[in-house]
Amino acid sequence: MVALSALDEHALKELIADELGAVRDRSLGLTTEVLDGAELTAQVSPLMSPLVWDLAHVGNYEELWLLRAAAGIDPMRPEIDTLYDAFEHPRAERPSLPLLPPEEARAYISTVRAKVLDSLGRVRFDPRDPLTAGGFVYGMVVQHEHQHDETMLATHQLRRGAPALLDPPGGAGERRAPATGEVLVEAGPFVMGASDDPWAYDNERPGHVVDLPAYYIDTEPVTNAAYLAFMEEGGYDRPEWWTPAGWEWRTSSGKRAPAFWSREGTRWVRRRFGRVEDVPPDEAVQHVCWYEADAYARWAGKRLPTEAEWEKAAAWGPGADRARRYPWGDEYAEGRANLGQRLLRPSPAGAFPDGESAYGVRRLVGDVWEWTASDFHGYPGFRSFPYKEYSEVFFGPDYKVLRGGSWATHPLAVRNTFRNWDYPIRRQIFAGFRCARDAA
């Protein structure tokens, strides 16, 4: 994929049309093409929406932004706006709403899409209009649907019953052991965030200089085997490794292993999309919350990296004068990261060696979202756009930042500057971590 900024308006519109089609194929492949109506309308957990809500929601969001806002087209179904407004109804309440049935939801989003493609040629990407400049609003809608596809995958992981998703053929490809277990990132300034990426979100902006002291960061994410060593040494039983809030969560929840793990005799097994299998020792650990990641890091004599440390390790390098969009360069290259459901699982240690950063750090993008030590806040000079509910309403100490995307994240919906966030107790997301330590 070439850099977005290098495309003229005609080429960019062709890319948008292709990506709108690809993300819709993905959405249908997670809903109406693999599950019946009863499973689409059921709620597998109070943490998640019924899949049919996500399906109609992405269409309603597309109507709001690409038909009404960008193309100036009158509302199609204004009476359903509140049903699919994520801030009007918590997920636990959504099954009780008069949601569109699966076939009606699919027909609605199909009609929306047809009107979007019909109007795309008439919309001008005015550089003076931040909504349409560089095709921003279209990129926002494509990314939004991919984000909901990842949420749908979390719903699939939580559901019980026969597997609905098949492992893709092939595997992670070449594996190559890194030279060291951690790398040194020298002290110095770098530009954090995005100023000229046309599809970056408001919370990634503006780019600003951050000066960091030297630090070490793990070359690879923490593996299941390493995390199991923490468990076997009593990591869940020793309060000295936990923050007070983390220990309160540990004792009140009773958790003693990552989500979806269980003990069968002397073996640890996991449930993955309806299958029960041995926990693979060399895969990146996932389905751990921030408290668990933080406790492991303390036990290991390290800490979680700040998001600035994570981004510098991903986007910069010795002697660099500008950031990269991905760890390996400015253009996405197939085969350099475990993204976009390439696998339905994290890859093993040593995989995707050609995706390492200039510092030699591996698998920073893809595999698992990585918890950082940082609370979610706006950058200096932050301006909310195009609506406060995307980022600003979540700012504060209640949310921790995650970086890098997971195997379930699409390449268009992640980059070195992309910021995710969630409560420190969340485990259903595809999250893991790596550690860091001060160089002094």
Protein backbone atom coordinates (compact mmCIF):
# COMPACT_ATOMS: atom_id res chain seq x y z
CA MET A 1 0.00 0.00 0.00
CA VAL A 2 1.46 3.35 -1.03
CA ALA A 3 1.48 6.32 1.33
CA LEU A 4 -1.90 8.07 1.41
CA SER A 5 -0.30 11.48 1.04
CA ALA A 6 1.23 10.40 -2.30
CA LEU A 7 -2.14 9.76 -3.95
CA ASP A 8 -4.06 12.28 -6.03
CA GLU A 9 -7.80 12.64 -5.43
CA HIS A 10 -8.82 10.18 -8.14
CA ALA A 11 -6.43 7.48 -6.91
CA LEU A 12 -7.44 8.13 -3.32
CA LYS A 13 -11.12 7.68 -4.17
CA GLU A 14 -10.33 4.39 -5.91
CA LEU A 15 -8.49 3.24 -2.79
CA ILE A 16 -11.41 4.31 -0.60
CA ALA A 17 -13.91 2.39 -2.73
CA ASP A 18 -11.72 -0.72 -2.56
CA GLU A 19 -11.26 -0.44 1.19
CA LEU A 20 -14.97 0.13 1.78
CA GLY A 21 -15.64 -3.10 -0.09
CA ALA A 22 -12.94 -5.04 1.75
CA VAL A 23 -14.07 -4.00 5.21
CA ARG A 24 -17.70 -4.84 4.41
CA ASP A 25 -16.69 -8.30 3.25
CA ARG A 26 -14.91 -8.71 6.56
CA SER A 27 -17.93 -7.53 8.58
CA LEU A 28 -20.30 -9.91 6.82
CA GLY A 29 -17.81 -12.74 7.23
CA LEU A 30 -18.04 -12.25 10.99
CA THR A 31 -21.83 -12.01 11.13
CA THR A 32 -24.51 -13.04 8.66
CA GLU A 33 -22.26 -15.36 6.65
CA VAL A 34 -21.22 -17.54 9.60
CA LEU A 35 -24.00 -17.32 12.23
CA ASP A 36 -27.78 -17.65 12.21
CA GLY A 37 -30.26 -15.05 13.40
CA ALA A 38 -30.49 -16.32 16.97
CA GLU A 39 -26.75 -16.09 17.50
CA LEU A 40 -26.59 -12.67 15.88
CA THR A 41 -29.23 -11.26 18.23
CA ALA A 42 -27.94 -12.98 21.39
CA GLN A 43 -25.64 -11.29 23.87
CA VAL A 44 -22.72 -13.51 24.86
CA SER A 45 -21.55 -11.18 27.66
CA PRO A 46 -22.71 -7.90 29.22
CA LEU A 47 -19.34 -6.54 28.04
CA MET A 48 -20.30 -6.96 24.40
CA SER A 49 -23.14 -5.92 22.08
CA PRO A 50 -25.17 -8.45 20.12
CA LEU A 51 -23.39 -8.87 16.80
CA VAL A 52 -26.43 -7.52 14.95
CA TRP A 53 -26.06 -4.24 16.83
CA ASP A 54 -22.46 -3.85 15.63
CA LEU A 55 -23.53 -4.66 12.07
CA ALA A 56 -26.24 -2.00 11.89
CA HIS A 57 -24.15 0.46 13.91
CA VAL A 58 -21.36 0.58 11.33
CA GLY A 59 -23.94 1.33 8.64
CA ASN A 60 -25.60 4.04 10.70
CA TYR A 61 -22.22 5.63 11.45
CA GLU A 62 -21.45 5.52 7.73
CA GLU A 63 -24.76 7.18 6.93
CA LEU A 64 -24.16 9.92 9.49
CA TRP A 65 -20.69 10.83 8.25
CA LEU A 66 -20.47 9.90 4.56
CA LEU A 67 -24.03 10.63 3.42
CA ARG A 68 -25.29 13.37 5.73
CA ALA A 69 -22.05 15.18 6.68
CA ALA A 70 -19.85 14.67 3.59
CA ALA A 71 -22.40 14.41 0.76
CA GLY A 72 -25.25 16.49 2.22
CA ILE A 73 -27.85 13.74 1.68
CA ASP A 74 -31.05 13.70 3.75
CA PRO A 75 -31.28 11.10 6.55
CA MET A 76 -32.50 7.66 5.53
CA ARG A 77 -33.58 6.29 8.90
CA PRO A 78 -33.33 9.09 11.49
CA GLU A 79 -35.59 7.14 13.87
CA ILE A 80 -32.84 4.54 14.46
CA ASP A 81 -30.05 7.00 15.24
CA THR A 82 -30.45 6.73 19.02
CA LEU A 83 -30.57 2.92 18.87
CA TYR A 84 -27.10 2.84 17.35
CA ASP A 85 -25.56 5.73 19.26
CA ALA A 86 -22.92 4.06 21.44
CA PHE A 87 -23.27 6.78 24.09
CA GLU A 88 -27.05 6.52 24.40
CA HIS A 89 -27.18 2.88 25.47
CA PRO A 90 -24.53 0.85 27.35
CA ARG A 91 -23.71 -2.53 25.86
CA ALA A 92 -25.54 -4.39 28.63
CA GLU A 93 -28.83 -2.70 27.59
CA ARG A 94 -28.61 -3.20 23.84
CA PRO A 95 -30.31 -6.63 23.61
CA SER A 96 -33.51 -5.05 24.99
CA LEU A 97 -33.64 -2.38 22.28
CA PRO A 98 -35.86 -2.72 19.17
CA LEU A 99 -32.84 -3.47 16.97
CA LEU A 100 -33.10 -4.16 13.26
CA PRO A 101 -33.31 -7.93 12.64
CA PRO A 102 -30.28 -9.40 10.84
CA GLU A 103 -31.74 -9.36 7.32
CA GLU A 104 -33.11 -5.83 7.73
CA ALA A 105 -29.79 -4.65 9.16
CA ARG A 106 -27.94 -6.14 6.21
CA ALA A 107 -30.34 -4.52 3.74
CA TYR A 108 -29.98 -1.14 5.49
CA ILE A 109 -26.18 -1.12 5.46
CA SER A 110 -26.19 -2.30 1.84
CA THR A 111 -28.40 0.62 0.80
CA VAL A 112 -26.20 3.05 2.72
CA ARG A 113 -23.12 1.67 0.98
CA ALA A 114 -24.67 1.95 -2.47
CA LYS A 115 -25.48 5.62 -1.86
CA VAL A 116 -21.98 6.27 -0.51
CA LEU A 117 -20.32 4.82 -3.59
CA ASP A 118 -22.72 6.73 -5.83
CA SER A 119 -21.94 10.02 -4.08
CA LEU A 120 -18.17 9.50 -3.71
CA GLY A 121 -17.41 10.86 -7.18
CA ARG A 122 -19.28 14.10 -6.46
CA VAL A 123 -17.67 14.88 -3.11
CA ARG A 124 -14.64 17.14 -3.36
CA PHE A 125 -11.69 16.61 -1.02
CA ASP A 126 -11.27 20.27 -0.14
CA PRO A 127 -7.89 20.90 1.57
CA ARG A 128 -9.53 23.78 3.47
CA ASP A 129 -12.16 21.46 4.96
CA PRO A 130 -10.63 19.21 7.64
CA LEU A 131 -13.50 16.74 7.28
CA THR A 132 -12.84 15.94 3.62
CA ALA A 133 -9.18 16.96 3.20
CA GLY A 134 -7.17 13.91 2.24
CA GLY A 135 -10.35 11.85 2.39
CA PHE A 136 -10.22 12.00 6.20
CA VAL A 137 -13.89 11.30 6.88
CA TYR A 138 -13.82 8.27 4.57
CA GLY A 139 -10.72 6.96 6.28
CA MET A 140 -12.40 7.51 9.63
CA VAL A 141 -15.40 5.42 8.57
CA VAL A 142 -13.27 2.58 7.16
CA GLN A 143 -11.17 2.49 10.33
CA HIS A 144 -14.30 2.61 12.47
CA GLU A 145 -15.75 -0.46 10.77
CA HIS A 146 -12.46 -2.35 11.12
CA GLN A 147 -12.44 -1.46 14.81
CA HIS A 148 -15.90 -2.93 15.18
CA ASP A 149 -14.77 -6.03 13.31
CA GLU A 150 -12.11 -6.48 16.00
CA THR A 151 -14.82 -6.03 18.62
CA MET A 152 -16.86 -8.68 16.80
CA LEU A 153 -13.88 -11.03 17.02
CA ALA A 154 -13.80 -10.47 20.79
CA THR A 155 -17.49 -11.39 20.84
CA HIS A 156 -16.73 -14.57 18.89
CA GLN A 157 -14.03 -15.44 21.43
CA LEU A 158 -16.53 -15.05 24.29
CA ARG A 159 -19.33 -17.06 22.66
CA ARG A 160 -19.87 -20.71 23.50
CA GLY A 161 -20.74 -23.42 21.02
CA ALA A 162 -19.22 -24.86 17.87
CA PRO A 163 -16.47 -22.81 16.21
CA ALA A 164 -17.76 -20.35 13.63
CA LEU A 165 -14.35 -19.15 12.45
CA LEU A 166 -11.69 -21.28 10.77
CA ASP A 167 -7.95 -20.77 11.11
CA PRO A 168 -6.55 -19.31 7.89
CA PRO A 169 -4.20 -21.60 5.95
CA GLY A 170 -0.48 -21.17 6.40
CA GLY A 171 1.32 -19.81 9.39
CA ALA A 172 3.59 -17.04 10.57
CA GLY A 173 6.28 -17.79 8.01
CA GLU A 174 9.96 -17.29 8.73
CA ARG A 175 11.15 -17.18 12.33
CA ARG A 176 14.48 -15.69 13.35
CA ALA A 177 15.72 -15.25 16.90
CA PRO A 178 16.61 -11.66 17.84
CA ALA A 179 20.18 -10.87 18.77
CA THR A 180 19.28 -9.76 22.29
CA GLY A 181 16.37 -9.92 24.69
CA GLU A 182 16.21 -6.15 25.03
CA VAL A 183 17.61 -3.14 23.21
CA LEU A 184 18.88 0.21 24.37
CA VAL A 185 17.12 3.32 23.14
CA GLU A 186 19.50 6.20 23.61
CA ALA A 187 18.49 9.40 25.37
CA GLY A 188 17.27 12.26 23.24
CA PRO A 189 14.29 14.01 21.68
CA PHE A 190 11.89 12.68 19.07
CA VAL A 191 8.65 13.90 17.51
CA MET A 192 5.72 12.02 19.03
CA GLY A 193 2.32 11.89 17.34
CA ALA A 194 1.11 12.89 13.89
CA SER A 195 0.77 16.23 12.16
CA ASP A 196 0.64 15.33 8.47
CA ASP A 197 -0.93 11.85 8.39
CA PRO A 198 -4.25 12.46 6.59
CA TRP A 199 -6.12 9.66 8.38
CA ALA A 200 -4.73 10.09 11.89
CA TYR A 201 -7.27 10.66 14.67
CA ASP A 202 -7.48 13.73 16.88
CA ASN A 203 -5.82 12.00 19.85
CA GLU A 204 -2.72 11.32 17.70
CA ARG A 205 -2.33 15.04 17.02
CA PRO A 206 -0.45 17.30 17.07
CA GLY A 207 3.09 16.07 16.60
CA HIS A 208 5.25 17.41 19.42
CA VAL A 209 8.80 16.99 20.66
CA VAL A 210 9.36 14.66 23.63
CA ASP A 211 12.83 14.29 25.19
CA LEU A 212 13.34 10.92 26.86
CA PRO A 213 16.17 9.59 29.01
CA ALA A 214 17.81 6.36 27.83
CA TYR A 215 15.91 3.13 28.47
CA TYR A 216 15.86 -0.54 27.58
CA ILE A 217 12.82 -2.17 25.98
CA ASP A 218 12.13 -5.84 25.35
CA THR A 219 12.85 -7.00 21.82
CA GLU A 220 9.73 -9.21 21.80
CA PRO A 221 6.38 -9.25 23.63
CA VAL A 222 6.21 -11.41 26.76
CA THR A 223 5.41 -15.02 25.86
CA ASN A 224 3.04 -17.52 27.42
CA ALA A 225 6.02 -19.48 28.76
CA ALA A 226 7.47 -16.40 30.47
CA TYR A 227 4.10 -15.49 31.93
CA LEU A 228 3.62 -19.06 33.16
CA ALA A 229 6.91 -18.75 35.07
CA PHE A 230 5.43 -15.73 36.86
CA MET A 231 2.34 -17.78 37.72
CA GLU A 232 4.37 -20.77 38.95
CA GLU A 233 6.46 -18.56 41.22
CA GLY A 234 3.30 -17.40 42.97
CA GLY A 235 2.83 -14.18 41.06
CA TYR A 236 -0.91 -14.14 41.72
CA ASP A 237 -0.38 -14.76 45.45
CA ARG A 238 2.21 -12.11 46.30
CA PRO A 239 0.81 -8.61 46.86
CA GLU A 240 4.25 -7.02 46.64
CA TRP A 241 4.11 -7.30 42.84
CA TRP A 242 0.74 -5.57 42.56
CA THR A 243 -0.43 -2.00 42.92
CA PRO A 244 -3.05 -1.56 45.68
CA ALA A 245 -5.78 -1.27 43.04
CA GLY A 246 -4.39 -4.27 41.19
CA TRP A 247 -4.30 -6.40 44.33
CA GLU A 248 -7.88 -5.42 45.14
CA TRP A 249 -8.87 -6.51 41.62
CA ARG A 250 -6.94 -9.78 41.97
CA THR A 251 -8.49 -10.73 45.30
CA SER A 252 -12.03 -9.62 44.50
CA SER A 253 -12.06 -11.23 41.04
CA GLY A 254 -10.32 -14.45 42.05
CA LYS A 255 -8.33 -14.46 38.79
CA ARG A 256 -5.19 -16.59 38.77
CA ALA A 257 -4.41 -16.93 35.04
CA PRO A 258 -5.04 -15.11 31.76
CA ALA A 259 -8.62 -15.14 30.51
CA PHE A 260 -9.67 -18.33 28.73
CA TRP A 261 -6.89 -20.41 30.39
CA SER A 262 -7.71 -23.42 32.56
CA ARG A 263 -5.77 -26.25 34.19
CA GLU A 264 -6.26 -29.83 33.03
CA GLY A 265 -4.09 -32.07 35.20
CA THR A 266 -0.53 -30.90 34.67
CA ARG A 267 -1.39 -29.00 31.46
CA TRP A 268 -2.56 -25.48 30.87
CA VAL A 269 -5.10 -25.23 28.07
CA ARG A 270 -6.92 -22.31 26.52
CA ARG A 271 -10.23 -21.86 24.76
CA ARG A 272 -9.79 -20.11 21.41
CA PHE A 273 -12.84 -19.49 19.22
CA GLY A 274 -14.60 -22.63 20.43
CA ARG A 275 -11.54 -24.91 20.39
CA VAL A 276 -9.69 -26.14 23.48
CA GLU A 277 -5.94 -26.49 22.92
CA ASP A 278 -2.68 -26.55 24.82
CA VAL A 279 -1.33 -23.10 25.63
CA PRO A 280 1.48 -22.55 23.07
CA PRO A 281 4.57 -21.61 25.10
CA ASP A 282 6.22 -19.36 22.52
CA GLU A 283 3.23 -17.24 21.47
CA ALA A 284 2.79 -13.74 22.88
CA VAL A 285 0.57 -13.91 25.94
CA GLN A 286 -2.84 -12.29 25.42
CA HIS A 287 -6.08 -11.69 27.33
CA VAL A 288 -4.28 -10.19 30.32
CA CYS A 289 -5.39 -6.95 31.92
CA TRP A 290 -3.20 -3.97 32.77
CA TYR A 291 -2.96 -5.01 36.42
CA GLU A 292 -1.61 -8.43 35.42
CA ALA A 293 0.87 -6.92 32.97
CA ASP A 294 2.09 -4.44 35.57
CA ALA A 295 2.48 -7.17 38.22
CA TYR A 296 4.49 -9.35 35.84
CA ALA A 297 6.80 -6.45 34.97
CA ARG A 298 7.47 -5.76 38.67
CA TRP A 299 8.15 -9.46 39.29
CA ALA A 300 10.61 -9.44 36.37
CA GLY A 301 12.45 -6.45 37.83
CA LYS A 302 11.22 -4.18 35.08
CA ARG A 303 8.19 -1.99 34.32
CA LEU A 304 5.75 -1.30 31.53
CA PRO A 305 7.01 1.21 28.96
CA THR A 306 5.37 4.59 28.75
CA GLU A 307 3.56 5.20 25.49
CA ALA A 308 6.27 7.72 24.53
CA GLU A 309 8.93 5.04 25.03
CA TRP A 310 6.88 2.57 23.00
CA GLU A 311 6.41 5.04 20.14
CA LYS A 312 10.05 6.10 20.01
CA ALA A 313 11.13 2.44 19.83
CA ALA A 314 8.63 1.87 17.00
CA ALA A 315 8.92 5.03 14.92
CA TRP A 316 12.46 6.31 15.36
CA GLY A 317 15.99 4.97 15.28
CA PRO A 318 19.64 5.92 15.76
CA GLY A 319 20.26 9.20 13.94
CA ALA A 320 16.68 9.49 12.65
CA ASP A 321 15.31 12.92 11.77
CA ARG A 322 11.72 11.84 11.06
CA ALA A 323 9.25 9.20 12.15
CA ARG A 324 8.17 6.10 10.26
CA ARG A 325 4.46 5.27 9.89
CA TYR A 326 5.16 1.60 10.62
CA PRO A 327 8.19 0.15 12.40
CA TRP A 328 9.77 -0.92 9.07
CA GLY A 329 8.91 2.15 6.98
CA ASP A 330 6.21 4.47 5.67
CA GLU A 331 4.30 1.95 3.53
CA TYR A 332 2.48 -1.11 4.72
CA ALA A 333 4.16 -4.31 3.50
CA GLU A 334 2.36 -7.65 3.58
CA GLY A 335 4.24 -10.27 5.57
CA ARG A 336 5.93 -7.91 8.01
CA ALA A 337 3.33 -8.09 10.76
CA ASN A 338 0.56 -10.32 12.10
CA LEU A 339 -2.36 -8.02 11.27
CA GLY A 340 -5.81 -8.23 9.71
CA GLN A 341 -6.78 -11.76 10.78
CA ARG A 342 -3.76 -13.16 8.95
CA LEU A 343 -3.80 -15.63 11.86
CA LEU A 344 -6.54 -16.09 14.47
CA ARG A 345 -3.89 -15.97 17.18
CA PRO A 346 -0.62 -14.26 18.11
CA SER A 347 2.47 -15.45 16.28
CA PRO A 348 5.39 -17.22 17.99
CA ALA A 349 8.54 -15.49 19.18
CA GLY A 350 10.90 -14.75 16.31
CA ALA A 351 8.17 -14.41 13.70
CA PHE A 352 8.02 -11.52 11.20
CA PRO A 353 11.67 -10.52 11.62
CA ASP A 354 11.47 -8.18 8.62
CA GLY A 355 8.97 -6.05 10.54
CA GLU A 356 11.42 -4.94 13.20
CA SER A 357 12.01 -1.27 13.93
CA ALA A 358 15.22 0.65 13.30
CA TYR A 359 16.20 -0.10 16.90
CA GLY A 360 15.72 -3.83 16.26
CA VAL A 361 12.48 -4.18 18.25
CA ARG A 362 10.18 -6.92 16.95
CA ARG A 363 6.42 -7.26 16.53
CA LEU A 364 5.58 -3.78 17.80
CA VAL A 365 2.67 -3.71 15.36
CA GLY A 366 0.32 -6.69 15.28
CA ASP A 367 0.04 -9.84 17.42
CA VAL A 368 -1.22 -8.23 20.66
CA TRP A 369 -2.19 -4.76 21.80
CA GLU A 370 0.49 -3.74 24.27
CA TRP A 371 -0.40 -2.18 27.59
CA THR A 372 1.68 0.87 28.49
CA ALA A 373 2.22 2.64 31.79
CA SER A 374 0.47 5.79 30.54
CA ASP A 375 -2.96 7.18 31.34
CA PHE A 376 -4.99 8.42 28.37
CA HIS A 377 -4.67 12.19 27.90
CA GLY A 378 -4.62 14.62 25.01
CA TYR A 379 -1.31 15.87 23.67
CA PRO A 380 -0.25 19.51 24.17
CA GLY A 381 -2.38 21.55 21.79
CA PHE A 382 -5.02 18.82 21.41
CA ARG A 383 -8.21 19.82 19.60
CA SER A 384 -11.22 17.57 19.48
CA PHE A 385 -12.27 16.62 15.91
CA PRO A 386 -14.72 15.79 14.48
CA TYR A 387 -16.56 14.93 17.72
CA LYS A 388 -15.63 14.86 21.41
CA GLU A 389 -16.96 11.35 21.95
CA TYR A 390 -14.20 9.73 19.94
CA SER A 391 -11.39 10.67 22.34
CA GLU A 392 -11.86 13.60 24.69
CA VAL A 393 -14.59 12.16 26.89
CA PHE A 394 -12.25 9.29 27.84
CA PHE A 395 -9.28 11.43 28.94
CA GLY A 396 -8.16 10.87 32.51
CA PRO A 397 -6.64 8.32 34.89
CA ASP A 398 -9.42 5.75 34.47
CA TYR A 399 -8.06 4.54 31.12
CA LYS A 400 -4.67 3.08 30.23
CA VAL A 401 -3.15 3.43 26.76
CA LEU A 402 -2.47 0.41 24.55
CA ARG A 403 -0.27 0.53 21.47
CA GLY A 404 0.50 -1.44 18.34
CA GLY A 405 -2.64 -3.30 17.36
CA SER A 406 -3.24 -7.05 17.49
CA TRP A 407 -3.58 -9.92 15.04
CA ALA A 408 -7.26 -8.86 14.81
CA THR A 409 -6.46 -5.25 13.85
CA HIS A 410 -6.51 -4.26 10.19
CA PRO A 411 -3.42 -2.51 8.76
CA LEU A 412 -5.51 0.58 7.91
CA ALA A 413 -6.60 0.89 11.54
CA VAL A 414 -3.16 0.98 13.18
CA ARG A 415 0.18 2.78 12.81
CA ASN A 416 3.04 3.83 15.09
CA THR A 417 1.10 6.86 16.32
CA PHE A 418 -2.24 5.09 16.87
CA ARG A 419 -3.54 5.14 20.45
CA ASN A 420 -6.02 2.68 21.93
CA TRP A 421 -7.28 2.84 25.50
CA ASP A 422 -9.30 0.78 27.95
CA TYR A 423 -9.99 0.17 31.61
CA PRO A 424 -7.11 -1.58 33.42
CA ILE A 425 -9.40 -4.53 34.24
CA ARG A 426 -10.24 -5.41 30.62
CA ARG A 427 -9.22 -8.94 29.50
CA GLN A 428 -11.52 -9.83 26.62
CA ILE A 429 -9.50 -7.61 24.29
CA PHE A 430 -6.51 -9.10 22.45
CA ALA A 431 -3.96 -7.46 24.73
CA GLY A 432 -0.52 -8.46 25.97
CA PHE A 433 2.60 -6.44 26.77
CA ARG A 434 6.35 -6.07 26.73
CA CYS A 435 8.59 -4.68 29.46
CA ALA A 436 11.05 -1.83 29.75
CA ARG A 437 13.55 -0.56 32.32
CA ASP A 438 15.58 2.54 33.00
CA ALA A 439 19.08 2.57 31.51
CA ALA A 440 20.59 4.25 34.58
